[in-house]
Amino acid sequence: MSRHDRTARAGHDRASLYTEITDKIIAELEAGRVPWVQPWGTAAANATIAIPRNAATQRRYSGINILILWGAVIEQGFTGQSWLTFRQALGLGGHVRKGEHGTTVVYADRFSDEHRRRLARHRERARLSS
């Protein structure tokens, strides 16, 4: 797969994810619920009050991922706030049941690092031209 194809696919996936998240938020609002206000206070949420974290690395999720994962906890009736990737589950000796589907989260480190590099180059050019 060429770099252009990967970039085009990633952009499509990103747009699809934005649409999916927006649609879920709108559906919650139309149902009279504000999804970012105490989602753990609903009867459907069986999990303890917590920020979602990766069960393998203990790293906390942040930003929109918190809302996405809280939504999944409520929709699916999960009892915990710990999450794994498919490969992490296999690496820890676990498995994923046939027919199960993952929850998509946003990974932004690459974008952030590239953004920082571009900003540094822009600042350096501005400094040199003044």
C-alpha atoms as a PDB file:
ATOM      1  CA  MET A   1       0.000   0.000   0.000  1.00  0.00           C
ATOM      2  CA  SER A   2       1.447   3.358  -0.961  1.00  0.00           C
ATOM      3  CA  ARG A   3       1.923   6.202   1.503  1.00  0.00           C
ATOM      4  CA  HIS A   4      -0.768   8.186  -0.344  1.00  0.00           C
ATOM      5  CA  ASP A   5      -3.254   5.315   0.028  1.00  0.00           C
ATOM      6  CA  ARG A   6      -2.534   5.025   3.755  1.00  0.00           C
ATOM      7  CA  THR A   7      -2.981   8.787   4.220  1.00  0.00           C
ATOM      8  CA  ALA A   8      -6.238   8.780   2.263  1.00  0.00           C
ATOM      9  CA  ARG A   9      -7.514   5.797   4.240  1.00  0.00           C
ATOM     10  CA  ALA A  10      -6.508   7.355   7.570  1.00  0.00           C
ATOM     11  CA  GLY A  11      -8.297  10.587   6.640  1.00  0.00           C
ATOM     12  CA  HIS A  12     -11.426   8.636   5.728  1.00  0.00           C
ATOM     13  CA  ASP A  13     -11.263   6.673   8.999  1.00  0.00           C
ATOM     14  CA  ARG A  14     -10.851   9.911  10.942  1.00  0.00           C
ATOM     15  CA  ALA A  15     -13.870  11.507   9.226  1.00  0.00           C
ATOM     16  CA  SER A  16     -15.881   8.354   9.894  1.00  0.00           C
ATOM     17  CA  LEU A  17     -14.885   8.391  13.565  1.00  0.00           C
ATOM     18  CA  TYR A  18     -15.831  12.070  13.891  1.00  0.00           C
ATOM     19  CA  THR A  19     -19.223  11.321  12.346  1.00  0.00           C
ATOM     20  CA  GLU A  20     -19.744   8.312  14.609  1.00  0.00           C
ATOM     21  CA  ILE A  21     -18.914  10.270  17.763  1.00  0.00           C
ATOM     22  CA  THR A  22     -21.027  13.264  16.698  1.00  0.00           C
ATOM     23  CA  ASP A  23     -23.993  10.997  15.930  1.00  0.00           C
ATOM     24  CA  LYS A  24     -23.732   9.330  19.349  1.00  0.00           C
ATOM     25  CA  ILE A  25     -23.584  12.673  21.159  1.00  0.00           C
ATOM     26  CA  ILE A  26     -26.572  14.009  19.195  1.00  0.00           C
ATOM     27  CA  ALA A  27     -28.568  10.836  19.944  1.00  0.00           C
ATOM     28  CA  GLU A  28     -27.832  11.211  23.662  1.00  0.00           C
ATOM     29  CA  LEU A  29     -28.850  14.876  23.617  1.00  0.00           C
ATOM     30  CA  GLU A  30     -32.062  14.071  21.719  1.00  0.00           C
ATOM     31  CA  ALA A  31     -32.840  11.427  24.363  1.00  0.00           C
ATOM     32  CA  GLY A  32     -32.543  14.125  27.028  1.00  0.00           C
ATOM     33  CA  ARG A  33     -29.161  13.013  28.354  1.00  0.00           C
ATOM     34  CA  VAL A  34     -26.006  15.097  28.488  1.00  0.00           C
ATOM     35  CA  PRO A  35     -23.334  12.418  27.957  1.00  0.00           C
ATOM     36  CA  TRP A  36     -20.427  14.369  29.443  1.00  0.00           C
ATOM     37  CA  VAL A  37     -22.201  15.095  32.738  1.00  0.00           C
ATOM     38  CA  GLN A  38     -21.943  12.284  35.291  1.00  0.00           C
ATOM     39  CA  PRO A  39     -22.456   9.318  32.963  1.00  0.00           C
ATOM     40  CA  TRP A  40     -21.612   7.063  35.889  1.00  0.00           C
ATOM     41  CA  GLY A  41     -24.782   8.167  37.682  1.00  0.00           C
ATOM     42  CA  THR A  42     -27.051   6.187  35.350  1.00  0.00           C
ATOM     43  CA  ALA A  43     -28.487   2.796  36.191  1.00  0.00           C
ATOM     44  CA  ALA A  44     -26.897   1.371  33.021  1.00  0.00           C
ATOM     45  CA  ALA A  45     -23.369   2.128  34.218  1.00  0.00           C
ATOM     46  CA  ASN A  46     -22.155  -0.841  36.251  1.00  0.00           C
ATOM     47  CA  ALA A  47     -18.535   0.307  36.409  1.00  0.00           C
ATOM     48  CA  THR A  48     -17.030   2.177  39.307  1.00  0.00           C
ATOM     49  CA  ILE A  49     -16.419   5.913  38.983  1.00  0.00           C
ATOM     50  CA  ALA A  50     -13.027   6.213  37.319  1.00  0.00           C
ATOM     51  CA  ILE A  51     -11.083   7.587  34.400  1.00  0.00           C
ATOM     52  CA  PRO A  52     -10.648   4.775  31.861  1.00  0.00           C
ATOM     53  CA  ARG A  53      -7.133   3.341  31.736  1.00  0.00           C
ATOM     54  CA  ASN A  54      -5.190   0.824  29.734  1.00  0.00           C
ATOM     55  CA  ALA A  55      -5.058  -2.395  31.754  1.00  0.00           C
ATOM     56  CA  ALA A  56      -1.609  -3.371  30.445  1.00  0.00           C
ATOM     57  CA  THR A  57       0.197  -0.038  30.780  1.00  0.00           C
ATOM     58  CA  GLN A  58      -1.970   1.645  33.461  1.00  0.00           C
ATOM     59  CA  ARG A  59      -1.900   4.780  31.279  1.00  0.00           C
ATOM     60  CA  ARG A  60      -5.039   6.878  31.655  1.00  0.00           C
ATOM     61  CA  TYR A  61      -7.036   7.763  28.585  1.00  0.00           C
ATOM     62  CA  SER A  62      -7.644  11.461  27.986  1.00  0.00           C
ATOM     63  CA  GLY A  63      -9.667  13.899  25.926  1.00  0.00           C
ATOM     64  CA  ILE A  64     -12.476  12.565  23.773  1.00  0.00           C
ATOM     65  CA  ASN A  65     -11.381   9.001  24.589  1.00  0.00           C
ATOM     66  CA  ILE A  66     -12.811   9.365  28.094  1.00  0.00           C
ATOM     67  CA  LEU A  67     -16.238  10.167  26.660  1.00  0.00           C
ATOM     68  CA  ILE A  68     -15.994   7.408  24.044  1.00  0.00           C
ATOM     69  CA  LEU A  69     -15.069   4.795  26.658  1.00  0.00           C
ATOM     70  CA  TRP A  70     -17.628   5.978  29.213  1.00  0.00           C
ATOM     71  CA  GLY A  71     -20.223   5.707  26.458  1.00  0.00           C
ATOM     72  CA  ALA A  72     -19.112   2.141  25.713  1.00  0.00           C
ATOM     73  CA  VAL A  73     -19.302   1.240  29.419  1.00  0.00           C
ATOM     74  CA  ILE A  74     -22.875   2.517  29.591  1.00  0.00           C
ATOM     75  CA  GLU A  75     -23.996   1.056  26.240  1.00  0.00           C
ATOM     76  CA  GLN A  76     -22.491  -2.374  26.873  1.00  0.00           C
ATOM     77  CA  GLY A  77     -23.044  -2.544  30.640  1.00  0.00           C
ATOM     78  CA  PHE A  78     -19.357  -3.176  31.347  1.00  0.00           C
ATOM     79  CA  THR A  79     -18.326  -3.456  34.985  1.00  0.00           C
ATOM     80  CA  GLY A  80     -14.848  -1.946  34.719  1.00  0.00           C
ATOM     81  CA  GLN A  81     -12.909   0.964  33.296  1.00  0.00           C
ATOM     82  CA  SER A  82      -9.875  -1.056  32.140  1.00  0.00           C
ATOM     83  CA  TRP A  83      -9.217  -1.499  28.448  1.00  0.00           C
ATOM     84  CA  LEU A  84      -6.837  -3.543  26.283  1.00  0.00           C
ATOM     85  CA  THR A  85      -5.996  -3.697  22.629  1.00  0.00           C
ATOM     86  CA  PHE A  86      -6.482  -7.024  20.886  1.00  0.00           C
ATOM     87  CA  ARG A  87      -2.723  -7.626  20.824  1.00  0.00           C
ATOM     88  CA  GLN A  88      -2.328  -6.666  24.486  1.00  0.00           C
ATOM     89  CA  ALA A  89      -5.005  -9.206  25.442  1.00  0.00           C
ATOM     90  CA  LEU A  90      -3.205 -11.931  23.492  1.00  0.00           C
ATOM     91  CA  GLY A  91       0.171 -10.893  24.907  1.00  0.00           C
ATOM     92  CA  LEU A  92      -1.164 -11.195  28.450  1.00  0.00           C
ATOM     93  CA  GLY A  93      -2.492 -14.690  27.773  1.00  0.00           C
ATOM     94  CA  GLY A  94      -6.095 -13.651  27.221  1.00  0.00           C
ATOM     95  CA  HIS A  95      -8.351 -13.909  24.225  1.00  0.00           C
ATOM     96  CA  VAL A  96     -11.218 -12.051  22.600  1.00  0.00           C
ATOM     97  CA  ARG A  97     -14.482 -13.908  22.245  1.00  0.00           C
ATOM     98  CA  LYS A  98     -15.688 -14.616  18.740  1.00  0.00           C
ATOM     99  CA  GLY A  99     -18.076 -11.916  17.559  1.00  0.00           C
ATOM    100  CA  GLU A 100     -16.805  -9.258  19.968  1.00  0.00           C
ATOM    101  CA  HIS A 101     -15.998  -5.851  18.534  1.00  0.00           C
ATOM    102  CA  GLY A 102     -13.576  -3.231  19.756  1.00  0.00           C
ATOM    103  CA  THR A 103     -14.227   0.359  20.718  1.00  0.00           C
ATOM    104  CA  THR A 104     -12.372   2.885  18.593  1.00  0.00           C
ATOM    105  CA  VAL A 105     -10.327   5.496  20.417  1.00  0.00           C
ATOM    106  CA  VAL A 106      -8.266   8.375  19.077  1.00  0.00           C
ATOM    107  CA  TYR A 107      -4.481   8.162  19.136  1.00  0.00           C
ATOM    108  CA  ALA A 108      -2.979  11.614  18.680  1.00  0.00           C
ATOM    109  CA  ASP A 109       0.685  11.371  19.731  1.00  0.00           C
ATOM    110  CA  ARG A 110       1.978  11.253  16.158  1.00  0.00           C
ATOM    111  CA  PHE A 111      -0.072  14.260  15.182  1.00  0.00           C
ATOM    112  CA  SER A 112       1.040  16.153  18.272  1.00  0.00           C
ATOM    113  CA  ASP A 113       4.736  15.402  17.693  1.00  0.00           C
ATOM    114  CA  GLU A 114       4.552  16.440  14.038  1.00  0.00           C
ATOM    115  CA  HIS A 115       2.570  19.530  14.975  1.00  0.00           C
ATOM    116  CA  ARG A 116       5.252  20.499  17.510  1.00  0.00           C
ATOM    117  CA  ARG A 117       8.011  20.065  14.901  1.00  0.00           C
ATOM    118  CA  ARG A 118       6.162  22.211  12.370  1.00  0.00           C
ATOM    119  CA  LEU A 119       5.523  24.884  14.982  1.00  0.00           C
ATOM    120  CA  ALA A 120       9.215  24.909  15.954  1.00  0.00           C
ATOM    121  CA  ARG A 121      10.235  25.262  12.274  1.00  0.00           C
ATOM    122  CA  HIS A 122       7.716  28.058  11.796  1.00  0.00           C
ATOM    123  CA  ARG A 123       8.986  29.899  14.891  1.00  0.00           C
ATOM    124  CA  GLU A 124      12.599  29.488  13.737  1.00  0.00           C
ATOM    125  CA  ARG A 125      11.768  30.899  10.275  1.00  0.00           C
ATOM    126  CA  ALA A 126       9.916  33.815  11.879  1.00  0.00           C
ATOM    127  CA  ARG A 127      12.876  34.506  14.178  1.00  0.00           C
ATOM    128  CA  LEU A 128      15.346  34.418  11.281  1.00  0.00           C
ATOM    129  CA  SER A 129      13.244  36.691   9.084  1.00  0.00           C
ATOM    130  CA  SER A 130      12.806  39.391  11.720  1.00  0.00           C
END
